[in-house]
Every structure is written in structure tokens, then in C-alpha cells.
PDB file of all heavy atoms in Angstrom:
ATOM      1  N   GLY A   1     168.432-104.179 184.436  1.00  0.00           N
ATOM      2  CA  GLY A   1     169.257-103.806 185.570  1.00  0.00           C
ATOM      3  C   GLY A   1     170.779-104.161 185.352  1.00  0.00           C
ATOM      4  O   GLY A   1     171.626-103.540 185.913  1.00  0.00           O
ATOM      5  N   SER A   2     170.964-105.210 184.541  1.00  0.00           N
ATOM      6  CA  SER A   2     172.377-105.643 184.330  1.00  0.00           C
ATOM      7  C   SER A   2     173.196-104.622 183.566  1.00  0.00           C
ATOM      8  O   SER A   2     174.480-104.688 183.563  1.00  0.00           O
ATOM      9  CB  SER A   2     172.409-106.934 183.569  1.00  0.00           C
ATOM     10  OG  SER A   2     171.820-106.801 182.244  1.00  0.00           O
ATOM     11  N   LEU A   3     172.567-103.663 182.925  1.00  0.00           N
ATOM     12  CA  LEU A   3     173.221-102.605 182.180  1.00  0.00           C
ATOM     13  C   LEU A   3     173.789-101.524 183.106  1.00  0.00           C
ATOM     14  O   LEU A   3     174.585-100.676 182.631  1.00  0.00           O
ATOM     15  CB  LEU A   3     172.331-101.956 181.169  1.00  0.00           C
ATOM     16  CG  LEU A   3     171.802-102.854 179.978  1.00  0.00           C
ATOM     17  CD1 LEU A   3     170.935-102.045 179.041  1.00  0.00           C
ATOM     18  CD2 LEU A   3     173.010-103.350 179.223  1.00  0.00           C
ATOM     19  N   PHE A   4     173.377-101.509 184.360  1.00  0.00           N
ATOM     20  CA  PHE A   4     173.682-100.403 185.223  1.00  0.00           C
ATOM     21  C   PHE A   4     174.431-100.878 186.478  1.00  0.00           C
ATOM     22  O   PHE A   4     174.284-102.017 186.992  1.00  0.00           O
ATOM     23  CB  PHE A   4     172.380 -99.691 185.685  1.00  0.00           C
ATOM     24  CG  PHE A   4     171.553 -99.266 184.497  1.00  0.00           C
ATOM     25  CD1 PHE A   4     170.424 -99.875 184.174  1.00  0.00           C
ATOM     26  CD2 PHE A   4     171.948 -98.156 183.723  1.00  0.00           C
ATOM     27  CE1 PHE A   4     169.657 -99.437 183.072  1.00  0.00           C
ATOM     28  CE2 PHE A   4     171.238 -97.750 182.621  1.00  0.00           C
ATOM     29  CZ  PHE A   4     170.061 -98.439 182.302  1.00  0.00           C
ATOM     30  N   MET A   5     175.306-100.060 187.029  1.00  0.00           N
ATOM     31  CA  MET A   5     176.228-100.344 188.077  1.00  0.00           C
ATOM     32  C   MET A   5     175.423-100.350 189.435  1.00  0.00           C
ATOM     33  O   MET A   5     174.600 -99.454 189.691  1.00  0.00           O
ATOM     34  CB  MET A   5     177.300 -99.385 188.206  1.00  0.00           C
ATOM     35  CG  MET A   5     178.331 -99.690 189.318  1.00  0.00           C
ATOM     36  SD  MET A   5     179.604 -98.389 189.358  1.00  0.00           S
ATOM     37  CE  MET A   5     180.408 -98.531 187.794  1.00  0.00           C
ATOM     38  N   ASP A   6     175.596-101.400 190.229  1.00  0.00           N
ATOM     39  CA  ASP A   6     175.046-101.440 191.562  1.00  0.00           C
ATOM     40  C   ASP A   6     175.969-100.546 192.366  1.00  0.00           C
ATOM     41  O   ASP A   6     177.118-100.891 192.575  1.00  0.00           O
ATOM     42  CB  ASP A   6     175.055-102.905 192.082  1.00  0.00           C
ATOM     43  CG  ASP A   6     174.537-102.970 193.509  1.00  0.00           C
ATOM     44  OD1 ASP A   6     173.989-101.937 194.027  1.00  0.00           O
ATOM     45  OD2 ASP A   6     174.631-104.054 194.172  1.00  0.00           O
ATOM     46  N   LEU A   7     175.377 -99.439 192.900  1.00  0.00           N
ATOM     47  CA  LEU A   7     176.205 -98.460 193.613  1.00  0.00           C
ATOM     48  C   LEU A   7     176.380 -98.803 195.101  1.00  0.00           C
ATOM     49  O   LEU A   7     177.110 -98.202 195.758  1.00  0.00           O
ATOM     50  CB  LEU A   7     175.599 -97.116 193.467  1.00  0.00           C
ATOM     51  CG  LEU A   7     175.508 -96.605 192.038  1.00  0.00           C
ATOM     52  CD1 LEU A   7     174.831 -95.200 191.988  1.00  0.00           C
ATOM     53  CD2 LEU A   7     176.987 -96.450 191.413  1.00  0.00           C
ATOM     54  N   THR A   8     175.668 -99.840 195.575  1.00  0.00           N
ATOM     55  CA  THR A   8     175.714-100.247 196.963  1.00  0.00           C
ATOM     56  C   THR A   8     177.144-100.431 197.454  1.00  0.00           C
ATOM     57  O   THR A   8     177.506 -99.843 198.484  1.00  0.00           O
ATOM     58  CB  THR A   8     174.935-101.505 197.288  1.00  0.00           C
ATOM     59  OG1 THR A   8     173.571-101.345 196.647  1.00  0.00           O
ATOM     60  CG2 THR A   8     174.837-101.709 198.705  1.00  0.00           C
ATOM     61  N   PRO A   9     178.049-101.274 196.747  1.00  0.00           N
ATOM     62  CA  PRO A   9     179.384-101.400 197.260  1.00  0.00           C
ATOM     63  C   PRO A   9     180.282-100.226 196.888  1.00  0.00           C
ATOM     64  O   PRO A   9     181.448-100.192 197.349  1.00  0.00           O
ATOM     65  CB  PRO A   9     179.805-102.605 196.483  1.00  0.00           C
ATOM     66  CG  PRO A   9     179.050-102.685 195.275  1.00  0.00           C
ATOM     67  CD  PRO A   9     177.738-102.108 195.643  1.00  0.00           C
ATOM     68  N   GLU A  10     179.701 -99.229 196.232  1.00  0.00           N
ATOM     69  CA  GLU A  10     180.528 -98.065 195.788  1.00  0.00           C
ATOM     70  C   GLU A  10     180.281 -96.815 196.657  1.00  0.00           C
ATOM     71  O   GLU A  10     180.888 -95.730 196.419  1.00  0.00           O
ATOM     72  CB  GLU A  10     180.259 -97.718 194.312  1.00  0.00           C
ATOM     73  CG  GLU A  10     180.223 -98.868 193.315  1.00  0.00           C
ATOM     74  CD  GLU A  10     181.669 -99.583 193.220  1.00  0.00           C
ATOM     75  OE1 GLU A  10     182.639 -98.879 193.634  1.00  0.00           O
ATOM     76  OE2 GLU A  10     181.694-100.722 192.873  1.00  0.00           O
ATOM     77  N   LEU A  11     179.448 -96.966 197.687  1.00  0.00           N
ATOM     78  CA  LEU A  11     179.093 -95.753 198.510  1.00  0.00           C
ATOM     79  C   LEU A  11     180.338 -95.192 199.127  1.00  0.00           C
ATOM     80  O   LEU A  11     180.280 -93.951 199.466  1.00  0.00           O
ATOM     81  CB  LEU A  11     177.992 -96.103 199.477  1.00  0.00           C
ATOM     82  CG  LEU A  11     176.562 -96.374 198.875  1.00  0.00           C
ATOM     83  CD1 LEU A  11     175.673 -96.853 199.968  1.00  0.00           C
ATOM     84  CD2 LEU A  11     176.033 -95.055 198.174  1.00  0.00           C
ATOM     85  N   GLY A  12     181.282 -95.938 199.401  1.00  0.00           N
ATOM     86  CA  GLY A  12     182.553 -95.374 199.920  1.00  0.00           C
ATOM     87  C   GLY A  12     183.216 -94.356 199.051  1.00  0.00           C
ATOM     88  O   GLY A  12     183.937 -93.486 199.537  1.00  0.00           O
ATOM     89  N   SER A  13     182.985 -94.464 197.758  1.00  0.00           N
ATOM     90  CA  SER A  13     183.459 -93.513 196.800  1.00  0.00           C
ATOM     91  C   SER A  13     182.522 -92.412 196.511  1.00  0.00           C
ATOM     92  O   SER A  13     182.725 -91.516 195.667  1.00  0.00           O
ATOM     93  CB  SER A  13     183.828 -94.250 195.447  1.00  0.00           C
ATOM     94  OG  SER A  13     184.823 -95.238 195.606  1.00  0.00           O
ATOM     95  N   LEU A  14     181.341 -92.456 197.213  1.00  0.00           N
ATOM     96  CA  LEU A  14     180.323 -91.479 196.996  1.00  0.00           C
ATOM     97  C   LEU A  14     179.876 -90.848 198.363  1.00  0.00           C
ATOM     98  O   LEU A  14     178.741 -91.065 198.782  1.00  0.00           O
ATOM     99  CB  LEU A  14     179.070 -92.155 196.344  1.00  0.00           C
ATOM    100  CG  LEU A  14     179.238 -92.824 194.920  1.00  0.00           C
ATOM    101  CD1 LEU A  14     178.054 -93.674 194.579  1.00  0.00           C
ATOM    102  CD2 LEU A  14     179.511 -91.731 193.886  1.00  0.00           C
ATOM    103  N   PRO A  15     180.845 -90.211 198.997  1.00  0.00           N
ATOM    104  CA  PRO A  15     180.495 -89.688 200.352  1.00  0.00           C
ATOM    105  C   PRO A  15     179.316 -88.728 200.385  1.00  0.00           C
ATOM    106  O   PRO A  15     178.527 -88.678 201.403  1.00  0.00           O
ATOM    107  CB  PRO A  15     181.755 -88.910 200.751  1.00  0.00           C
ATOM    108  CG  PRO A  15     182.529 -88.656 199.453  1.00  0.00           C
ATOM    109  CD  PRO A  15     182.173 -89.731 198.582  1.00  0.00           C
ATOM    110  N   ASN A  16     179.174 -87.910 199.324  1.00  0.00           N
ATOM    111  CA  ASN A  16     177.927 -86.974 199.279  1.00  0.00           C
ATOM    112  C   ASN A  16     176.657 -87.777 199.270  1.00  0.00           C
ATOM    113  O   ASN A  16     175.651 -87.427 199.901  1.00  0.00           O
ATOM    114  CB  ASN A  16     178.000 -86.029 198.172  1.00  0.00           C
ATOM    115  CG  ASN A  16     179.088 -84.964 198.286  1.00  0.00           C
ATOM    116  OD1 ASN A  16     179.572 -84.700 199.320  1.00  0.00           O
ATOM    117  ND2 ASN A  16     179.659 -84.551 197.135  1.00  0.00           N
ATOM    118  N   VAL A  17     176.673 -88.809 198.461  1.00  0.00           N
ATOM    119  CA  VAL A  17     175.448 -89.701 198.365  1.00  0.00           C
ATOM    120  C   VAL A  17     175.187 -90.420 199.682  1.00  0.00           C
ATOM    121  O   VAL A  17     174.064 -90.471 200.130  1.00  0.00           O
ATOM    122  CB  VAL A  17     175.636 -90.641 197.191  1.00  0.00           C
ATOM    123  CG1 VAL A  17     174.408 -91.666 197.116  1.00  0.00           C
ATOM    124  CG2 VAL A  17     175.787 -89.939 195.864  1.00  0.00           C
ATOM    125  N   GLN A  18     176.221 -91.003 200.323  1.00  0.00           N
ATOM    126  CA  GLN A  18     176.088 -91.699 201.608  1.00  0.00           C
ATOM    127  C   GLN A  18     175.543 -90.734 202.658  1.00  0.00           C
ATOM    128  O   GLN A  18     174.602 -91.056 203.391  1.00  0.00           O
ATOM    129  CB  GLN A  18     177.402 -92.226 202.035  1.00  0.00           C
ATOM    130  CG  GLN A  18     177.408 -92.957 203.355  1.00  0.00           C
ATOM    131  CD  GLN A  18     176.557 -94.182 203.297  1.00  0.00           C
ATOM    132  OE1 GLN A  18     176.946 -95.187 202.572  1.00  0.00           O
ATOM    133  NE2 GLN A  18     175.335 -94.210 203.981  1.00  0.00           N
ATOM    134  N   ALA A  19     175.967 -89.487 202.680  1.00  0.00           N
ATOM    135  CA  ALA A  19     175.463 -88.469 203.572  1.00  0.00           C
ATOM    136  C   ALA A  19     174.026 -88.197 203.403  1.00  0.00           C
ATOM    137  O   ALA A  19     173.261 -88.077 204.359  1.00  0.00           O
ATOM    138  CB  ALA A  19     176.365 -87.226 203.558  1.00  0.00           C
ATOM    139  N   MET A  20     173.620 -88.161 202.115  1.00  0.00           N
ATOM    140  CA  MET A  20     172.229 -87.940 201.813  1.00  0.00           C
ATOM    141  C   MET A  20     171.413 -89.081 202.304  1.00  0.00           C
ATOM    142  O   MET A  20     170.308 -88.901 202.875  1.00  0.00           O
ATOM    143  CB  MET A  20     172.053 -87.811 200.259  1.00  0.00           C
ATOM    144  CG  MET A  20     170.598 -87.679 199.813  1.00  0.00           C
ATOM    145  SD  MET A  20     170.471 -87.569 198.020  1.00  0.00           S
ATOM    146  CE  MET A  20     171.169 -89.100 197.458  1.00  0.00           C
ATOM    147  N   PHE A  21     171.798 -90.300 202.113  1.00  0.00           N
ATOM    148  CA  PHE A  21     171.068 -91.487 202.546  1.00  0.00           C
ATOM    149  C   PHE A  21     170.993 -91.535 204.042  1.00  0.00           C
ATOM    150  O   PHE A  21     169.964 -91.944 204.663  1.00  0.00           O
ATOM    151  CB  PHE A  21     171.691 -92.815 202.020  1.00  0.00           C
ATOM    152  CG  PHE A  21     171.464 -93.016 200.554  1.00  0.00           C
ATOM    153  CD1 PHE A  21     172.368 -93.841 199.864  1.00  0.00           C
ATOM    154  CD2 PHE A  21     170.464 -92.556 199.890  1.00  0.00           C
ATOM    155  CE1 PHE A  21     172.216 -94.163 198.543  1.00  0.00           C
ATOM    156  CE2 PHE A  21     170.244 -92.756 198.501  1.00  0.00           C
ATOM    157  CZ  PHE A  21     171.090 -93.572 197.872  1.00  0.00           C
ATOM    158  N   ASP A  22     171.986 -91.100 204.713  1.00  0.00           N
ATOM    159  CA  ASP A  22     172.042 -91.048 206.167  1.00  0.00           C
ATOM    160  C   ASP A  22     171.013 -90.007 206.699  1.00  0.00           C
ATOM    161  O   ASP A  22     170.291 -90.282 207.673  1.00  0.00           O
ATOM    162  CB  ASP A  22     173.474 -90.722 206.723  1.00  0.00           C
ATOM    163  CG  ASP A  22     174.391 -91.819 206.515  1.00  0.00           C
ATOM    164  OD1 ASP A  22     173.953 -92.975 206.203  1.00  0.00           O
ATOM    165  OD2 ASP A  22     175.657 -91.515 206.568  1.00  0.00           O
ATOM    166  N   ALA A  23     170.981 -88.942 206.071  1.00  0.00           N
ATOM    167  CA  ALA A  23     170.077 -87.813 206.427  1.00  0.00           C
ATOM    168  C   ALA A  23     168.598 -88.040 206.033  1.00  0.00           C
ATOM    169  O   ALA A  23     167.697 -87.548 206.599  1.00  0.00           O
ATOM    170  CB  ALA A  23     170.508 -86.430 205.950  1.00  0.00           C
ATOM    171  N   GLU A  24     168.455 -88.737 204.923  1.00  0.00           N
ATOM    172  CA  GLU A  24     167.113 -88.907 204.245  1.00  0.00           C
ATOM    173  C   GLU A  24     166.957 -90.459 203.989  1.00  0.00           C
ATOM    174  O   GLU A  24     167.130 -90.892 202.807  1.00  0.00           O
ATOM    175  CB  GLU A  24     166.953 -88.139 203.044  1.00  0.00           C
ATOM    176  CG  GLU A  24     167.065 -86.613 203.134  1.00  0.00           C
ATOM    177  CD  GLU A  24     165.678 -86.012 203.510  1.00  0.00           C
ATOM    178  OE1 GLU A  24     164.681 -86.781 203.651  1.00  0.00           O
ATOM    179  OE2 GLU A  24     165.627 -84.868 203.580  1.00  0.00           O
ATOM    180  N   PRO A  25     166.686 -91.221 204.984  1.00  0.00           N
ATOM    181  CA  PRO A  25     166.513 -92.697 204.721  1.00  0.00           C
ATOM    182  C   PRO A  25     165.551 -93.057 203.663  1.00  0.00           C
ATOM    183  O   PRO A  25     165.722 -94.046 202.924  1.00  0.00           O
ATOM    184  CB  PRO A  25     166.058 -93.171 206.125  1.00  0.00           C
ATOM    185  CG  PRO A  25     166.457 -92.177 207.109  1.00  0.00           C
ATOM    186  CD  PRO A  25     166.368 -90.870 206.370  1.00  0.00           C
ATOM    187  N   TYR A  26     164.500 -92.250 203.467  1.00  0.00           N
ATOM    188  CA  TYR A  26     163.500 -92.679 202.409  1.00  0.00           C
ATOM    189  C   TYR A  26     164.087 -92.534 201.120  1.00  0.00           C
ATOM    190  O   TYR A  26     163.677 -93.198 200.102  1.00  0.00           O
ATOM    191  CB  TYR A  26     162.303 -91.756 202.562  1.00  0.00           C
ATOM    192  CG  TYR A  26     161.071 -92.139 201.637  1.00  0.00           C
ATOM    193  CD1 TYR A  26     160.539 -93.427 201.721  1.00  0.00           C
ATOM    194  CD2 TYR A  26     160.614 -91.327 200.740  1.00  0.00           C
ATOM    195  CE1 TYR A  26     159.562 -93.807 200.918  1.00  0.00           C
ATOM    196  CE2 TYR A  26     159.585 -91.622 199.822  1.00  0.00           C
ATOM    197  CZ  TYR A  26     159.011 -92.884 199.977  1.00  0.00           C
ATOM    198  OH  TYR A  26     158.022 -93.307 199.186  1.00  0.00           O
ATOM    199  N   ALA A  27     165.128 -91.704 200.900  1.00  0.00           N
ATOM    200  CA  ALA A  27     165.824 -91.580 199.607  1.00  0.00           C
ATOM    201  C   ALA A  27     166.424 -92.879 199.253  1.00  0.00           C
ATOM    202  O   ALA A  27     166.487 -93.253 198.058  1.00  0.00           O
ATOM    203  CB  ALA A  27     166.857 -90.479 199.665  1.00  0.00           C
ATOM    204  N   ARG A  28     167.012 -93.614 200.236  1.00  0.00           N
ATOM    205  CA  ARG A  28     167.638 -94.820 199.933  1.00  0.00           C
ATOM    206  C   ARG A  28     166.549 -95.877 199.621  1.00  0.00           C
ATOM    207  O   ARG A  28     166.691 -96.813 198.730  1.00  0.00           O
ATOM    208  CB  ARG A  28     168.444 -95.325 201.147  1.00  0.00           C
ATOM    209  CG  ARG A  28     169.170 -96.713 200.823  1.00  0.00           C
ATOM    210  CD  ARG A  28     170.319 -96.911 201.732  1.00  0.00           C
ATOM    211  NE  ARG A  28     171.054 -98.128 201.356  1.00  0.00           N
ATOM    212  CZ  ARG A  28     172.282 -98.347 201.681  1.00  0.00           C
ATOM    213  NH1 ARG A  28     173.008 -97.514 202.460  1.00  0.00           N
ATOM    214  NH2 ARG A  28     172.879 -99.512 201.280  1.00  0.00           N
ATOM    215  N   VAL A  29     165.375 -95.791 200.282  1.00  0.00           N
ATOM    216  CA  VAL A  29     164.330 -96.801 200.026  1.00  0.00           C
ATOM    217  C   VAL A  29     163.838 -96.654 198.509  1.00  0.00           C
ATOM    218  O   VAL A  29     163.752 -97.700 197.836  1.00  0.00           O
ATOM    219  CB  VAL A  29     163.118 -96.400 200.927  1.00  0.00           C
ATOM    220  CG1 VAL A  29     161.871 -97.306 200.556  1.00  0.00           C
ATOM    221  CG2 VAL A  29     163.513 -96.771 202.371  1.00  0.00           C
ATOM    222  N   VAL A  30     163.673 -95.452 198.124  1.00  0.00           N
ATOM    223  CA  VAL A  30     163.128 -95.320 196.705  1.00  0.00           C
ATOM    224  C   VAL A  30     164.278 -95.653 195.673  1.00  0.00           C
ATOM    225  O   VAL A  30     163.974 -95.886 194.508  1.00  0.00           O
ATOM    226  CB  VAL A  30     162.588 -93.871 196.330  1.00  0.00           C
ATOM    227  CG1 VAL A  30     161.493 -93.543 197.394  1.00  0.00           C
ATOM    228  CG2 VAL A  30     163.662 -92.777 196.396  1.00  0.00           C
ATOM    229  N   SER A  31     165.491 -95.683 196.153  1.00  0.00           N
ATOM    230  CA  SER A  31     166.623 -95.932 195.153  1.00  0.00           C
ATOM    231  C   SER A  31     166.972 -97.484 195.180  1.00  0.00           C
ATOM    232  O   SER A  31     167.871 -97.924 194.456  1.00  0.00           O
ATOM    233  CB  SER A  31     167.825 -95.160 195.623  1.00  0.00           C
ATOM    234  OG  SER A  31     167.521 -93.860 195.674  1.00  0.00           O
ATOM    235  N   THR A  32     166.299 -98.262 195.994  1.00  0.00           N
ATOM    236  CA  THR A  32     166.705 -99.663 196.104  1.00  0.00           C
ATOM    237  C   THR A  32     165.762-100.558 195.428  1.00  0.00           C
ATOM    238  O   THR A  32     164.506-100.482 195.592  1.00  0.00           O
ATOM    239  CB  THR A  32     166.729-100.083 197.652  1.00  0.00           C
ATOM    240  OG1 THR A  32     167.607 -99.171 198.365  1.00  0.00           O
ATOM    241  CG2 THR A  32     167.216-101.476 197.837  1.00  0.00           C
ATOM    242  N   THR A  33     166.273-101.515 194.619  1.00  0.00           N
ATOM    243  CA  THR A  33     165.536-102.410 193.815  1.00  0.00           C
ATOM    244  C   THR A  33     164.990-103.553 194.700  1.00  0.00           C
ATOM    245  O   THR A  33     165.305-103.702 195.943  1.00  0.00           O
ATOM    246  CB  THR A  33     166.334-103.004 192.684  1.00  0.00           C
ATOM    247  OG1 THR A  33     167.440-103.811 193.272  1.00  0.00           O
ATOM    248  CG2 THR A  33     166.865-101.910 191.775  1.00  0.00           C
ATOM    249  N   THR A  34     164.131-104.400 194.157  1.00  0.00           N
ATOM    250  CA  THR A  34     163.541-105.467 194.906  1.00  0.00           C
ATOM    251  C   THR A  34     164.535-106.477 195.386  1.00  0.00           C
ATOM    252  O   THR A  34     164.343-107.177 196.321  1.00  0.00           O
ATOM    253  CB  THR A  34     162.508-106.208 194.034  1.00  0.00           C
ATOM    254  OG1 THR A  34     163.078-106.663 192.798  1.00  0.00           O
ATOM    255  CG2 THR A  34     161.272-105.321 193.760  1.00  0.00           C
ATOM    256  N   ASP A  35     165.661-106.520 194.656  1.00  0.00           N
ATOM    257  CA  ASP A  35     166.717-107.463 195.109  1.00  0.00           C
ATOM    258  C   ASP A  35     167.924-106.780 195.847  1.00  0.00           C
ATOM    259  O   ASP A  35     168.980-107.326 195.955  1.00  0.00           O
ATOM    260  CB  ASP A  35     167.307-108.254 193.959  1.00  0.00           C
ATOM    261  CG  ASP A  35     167.779-107.362 192.808  1.00  0.00           C
ATOM    262  OD1 ASP A  35     167.668-106.122 192.857  1.00  0.00           O
ATOM    263  OD2 ASP A  35     168.374-107.851 191.757  1.00  0.00           O
ATOM    264  N   GLY A  36     167.631-105.582 196.382  1.00  0.00           N
ATOM    265  CA  GLY A  36     168.525-104.920 197.271  1.00  0.00           C
ATOM    266  C   GLY A  36     169.623-104.100 196.577  1.00  0.00           C
ATOM    267  O   GLY A  36     170.602-103.651 197.299  1.00  0.00           O
ATOM    268  N   LYS A  37     169.546-103.865 195.357  1.00  0.00           N
ATOM    269  CA  LYS A  37     170.593-103.030 194.654  1.00  0.00           C
ATOM    270  C   LYS A  37     170.252-101.559 194.584  1.00  0.00           C
ATOM    271  O   LYS A  37     169.041-101.255 194.539  1.00  0.00           O
ATOM    272  CB  LYS A  37     170.914-103.551 193.265  1.00  0.00           C
ATOM    273  CG  LYS A  37     171.364-105.031 193.226  1.00  0.00           C
ATOM    274  CD  LYS A  37     171.558-105.502 191.815  1.00  0.00           C
ATOM    275  CE  LYS A  37     172.068-106.895 191.723  1.00  0.00           C
ATOM    276  NZ  LYS A  37     172.164-107.443 190.395  1.00  0.00           N
ATOM    277  N   ILE A  38     171.291-100.698 194.489  1.00  0.00           N
ATOM    278  CA  ILE A  38     170.988 -99.313 194.186  1.00  0.00           C
ATOM    279  C   ILE A  38     171.539 -99.058 192.852  1.00  0.00           C
ATOM    280  O   ILE A  38     172.743 -98.935 192.635  1.00  0.00           O
ATOM    281  CB  ILE A  38     171.759 -98.365 195.266  1.00  0.00           C
ATOM    282  CG1 ILE A  38     171.213 -98.695 196.655  1.00  0.00           C
ATOM    283  CG2 ILE A  38     171.624 -96.985 194.834  1.00  0.00           C
ATOM    284  CD1 ILE A  38     171.987 -97.863 197.681  1.00  0.00           C
ATOM    285  N   LEU A  39     170.609 -98.967 191.865  1.00  0.00           N
ATOM    286  CA  LEU A  39     171.074 -98.822 190.506  1.00  0.00           C
ATOM    287  C   LEU A  39     170.975 -97.384 189.949  1.00  0.00           C
ATOM    288  O   LEU A  39     171.224 -97.119 188.792  1.00  0.00           O
ATOM    289  CB  LEU A  39     170.175 -99.697 189.589  1.00  0.00           C
ATOM    290  CG  LEU A  39     170.275-101.192 189.837  1.00  0.00           C
ATOM    291  CD1 LEU A  39     169.401-102.006 188.846  1.00  0.00           C
ATOM    292  CD2 LEU A  39     171.717-101.743 189.704  1.00  0.00           C
ATOM    293  N   GLY A  40     170.526 -96.509 190.848  1.00  0.00           N
ATOM    294  CA  GLY A  40     170.482 -95.059 190.462  1.00  0.00           C
ATOM    295  C   GLY A  40     170.464 -94.255 191.703  1.00  0.00           C
ATOM    296  O   GLY A  40     170.055 -94.657 192.806  1.00  0.00           O
ATOM    297  N   THR A  41     170.857 -92.962 191.529  1.00  0.00           N
ATOM    298  CA  THR A  41     170.814 -91.998 192.665  1.00  0.00           C
ATOM    299  C   THR A  41     169.615 -91.082 192.426  1.00  0.00           C
ATOM    300  O   THR A  41     169.337 -90.765 191.290  1.00  0.00           O
ATOM    301  CB  THR A  41     172.119 -91.318 192.880  1.00  0.00           C
ATOM    302  OG1 THR A  41     172.400 -90.627 191.614  1.00  0.00           O
ATOM    303  CG2 THR A  41     173.280 -92.191 193.267  1.00  0.00           C
ATOM    304  N   PRO A  42     168.956 -90.589 193.527  1.00  0.00           N
ATOM    305  CA  PRO A  42     167.757 -89.792 193.336  1.00  0.00           C
ATOM    306  C   PRO A  42     168.042 -88.235 193.336  1.00  0.00           C
ATOM    307  O   PRO A  42     169.179 -87.805 193.540  1.00  0.00           O
ATOM    308  CB  PRO A  42     166.979 -90.190 194.642  1.00  0.00           C
ATOM    309  CG  PRO A  42     168.045 -90.348 195.636  1.00  0.00           C
ATOM    310  CD  PRO A  42     169.220 -90.875 194.926  1.00  0.00           C
ATOM    311  N   THR A  43     166.997 -87.575 193.152  1.00  0.00           N
ATOM    312  CA  THR A  43     166.953 -86.189 193.537  1.00  0.00           C
ATOM    313  C   THR A  43     166.099 -86.037 194.850  1.00  0.00           C
ATOM    314  O   THR A  43     164.997 -86.613 194.924  1.00  0.00           O
ATOM    315  CB  THR A  43     166.262 -85.285 192.470  1.00  0.00           C
ATOM    316  OG1 THR A  43     167.035 -85.311 191.258  1.00  0.00           O
ATOM    317  CG2 THR A  43     166.018 -83.819 192.926  1.00  0.00           C
ATOM    318  N   VAL A  44     166.618 -85.317 195.831  1.00  0.00           N
ATOM    319  CA  VAL A  44     165.951 -85.145 197.076  1.00  0.00           C
ATOM    320  C   VAL A  44     165.781 -83.606 197.244  1.00  0.00           C
ATOM    321  O   VAL A  44     166.687 -82.811 197.236  1.00  0.00           O
ATOM    322  CB  VAL A  44     166.627 -85.654 198.235  1.00  0.00           C
ATOM    323  CG1 VAL A  44     165.955 -85.320 199.600  1.00  0.00           C
ATOM    324  CG2 VAL A  44     166.827 -87.164 198.119  1.00  0.00           C
TER     325      VAL A  44
END
């Protein structure tokens, strides 16, 4: 996980991704690690 960027604090720069998470909450669930990070974005 340390090789990849945690996108959680970067969602302000990812408005399309944030809109997807708002519309599809489960997409954020499957994208979140056990320690609360978002290390990748999904396909929905």
C-alpha cells in the first residue's frame, strides 16, 4: 500500500470520482482499505 497514493484527501481534485462515490456508496466501500484509505478507483 505504501507504493500507492491515498486518494482520500485528493477527492477535491477528483470531482468525477467524488460524484460517483456520492451516487454509488458501495463503490467507495469496495475502494476502501481496512485502515480507511482509498488506494485505487473502481469501475462501476
